[in-house]
Protein backbone atom coordinates (compact mmCIF):
# COMPACT_ATOMS: atom_id res chain seq x y z
CA UNK A 1 78.41 125.60 133.41
CA UNK A 2 80.87 123.85 135.60
CA UNK A 3 84.08 122.63 133.71
CA UNK A 4 83.39 119.01 134.85
CA UNK A 5 79.91 119.12 133.01
CA UNK A 6 81.68 120.76 129.95
CA UNK A 7 84.23 117.80 129.88
CA UNK A 8 81.42 115.16 130.26
CA UNK A 9 79.47 116.85 127.33
CA UNK A 10 82.73 116.82 125.15
CA UNK A 11 83.36 113.28 126.05
CA UNK A 12 79.92 112.31 124.99
CA UNK A 13 80.07 113.88 121.79
CA UNK A 14 83.52 112.18 120.94
CA UNK A 15 82.06 108.82 122.17
CA UNK A 16 79.09 109.19 120.08
CA UNK A 17 81.03 110.19 117.06
CA UNK A 18 83.39 107.35 117.41
CA UNK A 19 80.44 104.85 117.82
CA UNK A 20 78.99 106.32 114.57
CA UNK A 21 82.17 105.60 112.71
CA UNK A 22 82.24 101.95 113.75
CA UNK A 23 80.06 100.59 110.96
CA UNK A 24 81.55 102.63 108.25
CA UNK A 25 84.93 101.54 109.25
CA UNK A 26 84.03 97.94 109.08
CA UNK A 27 82.28 98.46 105.74
CA UNK A 28 85.45 100.13 104.39
CA UNK A 29 87.69 97.30 105.67
CA UNK A 30 85.36 94.72 103.90
CA UNK A 31 85.82 96.92 100.67
CA UNK A 32 89.56 96.95 101.17
CA UNK A 33 89.63 93.26 101.30
CA UNK A 34 87.69 93.00 98.14
CA UNK A 35 89.94 95.46 96.49
CA UNK A 36 92.94 93.39 97.55
CA UNK A 37 91.38 90.32 96.01
CA UNK A 38 90.55 92.31 92.74
CA UNK A 39 94.14 93.44 92.54
CA UNK A 40 95.37 89.98 92.98
CA UNK A 41 93.28 88.87 90.21
CA UNK A 42 94.41 91.66 88.02
CA UNK A 43 97.95 90.78 88.73
CA UNK A 44 97.33 87.20 87.82
CA UNK A 45 95.52 88.20 84.64
CA UNK A 46 98.36 90.76 83.74
CA UNK A 47 100.93 87.84 84.24
CA UNK A 48 98.87 85.45 81.94
CA UNK A 49 98.10 87.97 79.17
CA UNK A 50 101.22 90.11 79.00
CA UNK A 51 104.04 89.23 81.46
CA UNK A 52 104.66 85.63 80.36
CA UNK A 53 104.54 86.79 76.63
CA UNK A 54 107.41 89.12 77.09
CA UNK A 55 110.13 86.99 75.54
CA UNK A 56 112.90 89.39 74.37
CA UNK A 57 116.68 89.18 74.29
CA UNK A 58 117.69 92.82 74.34
CA UNK A 59 121.05 92.41 72.60
CA UNK A 60 119.87 90.35 69.66
CA UNK A 61 116.84 92.77 69.22
CA UNK A 62 119.08 95.84 68.95
CA UNK A 63 121.49 93.96 66.74
CA UNK A 64 118.50 93.06 64.51
CA UNK A 65 117.41 96.62 64.55
CA UNK A 66 120.96 97.76 63.36
CA UNK A 67 121.12 95.19 60.50
CA UNK A 68 117.50 94.68 59.17
CA UNK A 69 116.30 96.86 56.38
CA UNK A 70 112.65 96.99 57.78
CA UNK A 71 112.83 97.81 61.31
CA UNK A 72 109.05 98.00 61.80
CA UNK A 73 109.00 94.34 60.87
CA UNK A 74 111.43 93.62 63.40
CA UNK A 75 109.52 95.30 66.10
CA UNK A 76 106.34 93.74 65.03
CA UNK A 77 107.86 90.15 65.20
CA UNK A 78 109.68 90.67 68.54
CA UNK A 79 108.77 89.37 71.81
CA UNK A 80 107.97 92.75 73.30
CA UNK A 81 104.53 93.71 74.75
CA UNK A 82 102.03 95.20 72.55
CA UNK A 83 102.08 98.55 74.23
CA UNK A 84 105.89 98.58 73.78
CA UNK A 85 105.41 97.68 70.03
CA UNK A 86 102.96 100.43 69.43
CA UNK A 87 105.04 103.01 71.08
CA UNK A 88 108.22 101.95 69.09
CA UNK A 89 106.32 101.80 65.79
CA UNK A 90 105.10 105.23 66.29
CA UNK A 91 108.65 106.36 66.24
CA UNK A 92 109.04 104.67 62.76
CA UNK A 93 106.01 106.14 61.11
CA UNK A 94 107.33 109.75 60.88
CA UNK A 95 110.30 109.49 58.44
CA UNK A 96 109.85 113.32 57.59
CA UNK A 97 110.52 114.30 61.33
CA UNK A 98 113.88 115.90 62.25
CA UNK A 99 115.97 114.11 64.90
CA UNK A 100 114.94 116.75 67.47
CA UNK A 101 111.32 116.07 66.59
CA UNK A 102 111.61 112.45 66.83
CA UNK A 103 113.36 112.67 70.15
CA UNK A 104 110.79 114.72 71.57
CA UNK A 105 108.29 112.19 70.37
CA UNK A 106 110.24 109.38 72.07
CA UNK A 107 110.56 111.25 75.20
CA UNK A 108 106.66 111.83 75.23
CA UNK A 109 105.98 108.25 74.50
CA UNK A 110 108.27 107.11 77.36
CA UNK A 111 106.55 109.48 79.65
CA UNK A 112 103.08 108.30 78.93
CA UNK A 113 104.12 104.65 79.61
CA UNK A 114 105.76 105.63 82.83
CA UNK A 115 102.60 107.60 83.78
CA UNK A 116 100.39 104.62 83.13
CA UNK A 117 102.74 102.38 85.09
CA UNK A 118 102.67 104.94 88.12
CA UNK A 119 98.97 105.17 88.05
CA UNK A 120 98.69 101.45 88.31
CA UNK A 121 101.03 100.96 91.03
CA UNK A 122 99.66 103.82 93.10
CA UNK A 123 96.40 102.02 93.51
CA UNK A 124 97.93 99.02 95.45
CA UNK A 125 100.25 101.62 97.33
CA UNK A 126 97.26 103.61 98.39
CA UNK A 127 95.58 100.53 99.81
CA UNK A 128 98.76 99.52 101.55
CA UNK A 129 98.71 102.85 103.28
CA UNK A 130 94.96 103.19 104.16
CA UNK A 131 94.22 99.78 105.13
CA UNK A 132 96.37 99.80 108.33
CA UNK A 133 94.79 103.13 109.21
CA UNK A 134 91.38 101.86 109.12
CA UNK A 135 92.26 98.63 110.78
CA UNK A 136 93.55 100.59 113.68
CA UNK A 137 90.48 102.72 113.76
CA UNK A 138 88.54 99.40 113.83
CA UNK A 139 90.68 98.26 116.76
CA UNK A 140 90.38 101.49 118.80
CA UNK A 141 86.78 102.30 118.37
CA UNK A 142 85.28 99.13 119.94
CA UNK A 143 87.71 99.43 122.86
CA UNK A 144 85.72 102.33 124.45
CA UNK A 145 82.44 100.48 125.09
CA UNK A 146 84.52 97.34 125.90
CA UNK A 147 86.41 99.13 128.77
CA UNK A 148 82.98 100.54 130.04
CA UNK A 149 81.61 96.93 130.00
CA UNK A 150 84.69 95.76 131.83
CA UNK A 151 84.01 98.28 134.63
CA UNK A 152 80.21 97.21 134.79
CA UNK A 153 81.09 93.44 134.69
CA UNK A 154 79.54 92.98 131.32
CA UNK A 155 81.81 90.15 129.91
CA UNK A 156 79.67 89.54 126.76
CA UNK A 157 79.97 93.31 125.61
CA UNK A 158 83.56 93.12 126.29
CA UNK A 159 84.25 90.08 124.37
CA UNK A 160 82.26 91.29 121.36
CA UNK A 161 84.07 94.62 121.47
CA UNK A 162 87.52 92.72 121.54
CA UNK A 163 86.51 90.40 118.92
CA UNK A 164 85.51 93.27 116.58
CA UNK A 165 88.83 94.92 117.31
CA UNK A 166 90.81 91.71 116.49
CA UNK A 167 88.81 91.27 113.28
CA UNK A 168 89.32 94.73 112.00
CA UNK A 169 93.04 94.50 112.76
CA UNK A 170 93.44 91.38 110.90
CA UNK A 171 91.43 92.62 107.91
CA UNK A 172 93.48 95.78 107.65
CA UNK A 173 96.76 94.00 107.90
CA UNK A 174 95.71 91.38 105.36
CA UNK A 175 94.57 93.90 102.81
CA UNK A 176 97.86 95.96 103.35
CA UNK A 177 99.98 92.85 102.93
CA UNK A 178 98.52 91.73 99.82
CA UNK A 179 98.70 95.48 98.48
CA UNK A 180 102.33 95.72 99.52
CA UNK A 181 103.38 92.68 97.72
CA UNK A 182 101.49 93.47 94.54
CA UNK A 183 103.12 96.85 94.58
CA UNK A 184 106.54 95.24 94.92
CA UNK A 185 106.00 92.88 92.05
CA UNK A 186 104.52 95.42 89.77
CA UNK A 187 107.33 98.00 90.40
CA UNK A 188 109.86 95.27 89.39
CA UNK A 189 107.87 94.46 86.12
CA UNK A 190 107.37 98.07 85.22
CA UNK A 191 110.90 98.91 85.86
CA UNK A 192 112.05 96.24 83.45
CA UNK A 193 109.37 97.34 80.84
CA UNK A 194 110.56 100.89 80.89
CA UNK A 195 114.19 99.99 80.68
CA UNK A 196 113.56 97.90 77.73
CA UNK A 197 111.50 100.46 75.95
CA UNK A 198 113.87 103.24 76.68
CA UNK A 199 116.88 101.00 75.34
CA UNK A 200 115.02 100.15 72.13
CA UNK A 201 113.86 103.86 71.62
CA UNK A 202 117.47 105.24 71.92
CA UNK A 203 118.70 102.50 69.55
CA UNK A 204 116.05 103.58 67.00
CA UNK A 205 116.92 107.30 67.41
CA UNK A 206 120.55 106.62 66.99
CA UNK A 207 119.83 104.57 63.85
CA UNK A 208 117.51 106.96 62.27
CA UNK A 209 119.99 109.85 63.06
CA UNK A 210 122.98 107.83 61.46
CA UNK A 211 120.82 107.12 58.48
CA UNK A 212 119.88 110.65 57.97
CA UNK A 213 123.50 111.75 58.09
CA UNK A 214 124.66 109.46 55.41
């Protein structure tokens, strides 16, 4: 078989594969837009149910823990988030633990919270990475038929291909933009949550250690 015919066969295979990917790519981009909308709604719901209820002055809270006889009551009535309260109360429920055991428990609780934060942020970060890639695929795939149509003078097919290319590019960029903003906002929130939880946990550990040594 001549090399020219082999080249044509390979090009036909690649063109057929690219054409077959066009509809799945468009469907995936639509799903990405829906996912971006869902993440935005989730962010708003998280703000309304959690973030706006975080009202804690850390120095005053630490001072209250130092002076109050019932530290669990201070934690329960504080402006911390429910998950933070649960983690901190868990540290107070084991008075028979040694300082080393309590410290290990605190580290584990902090790691669990951080893992949860990382999993949530990774959802939007993954969308922010994948959406532009599929947007680029949706841009390039219709250009092949569009270029062929241009050579044949078929302006209708050319305009349809360009319109599809533009629409998929916009869809990918919009989904990625929303996901990037959501990731940035959540990283800031979760960094603050983790620092507060770590500071209060270390304070509890030091107070328990000081009380045990008296």
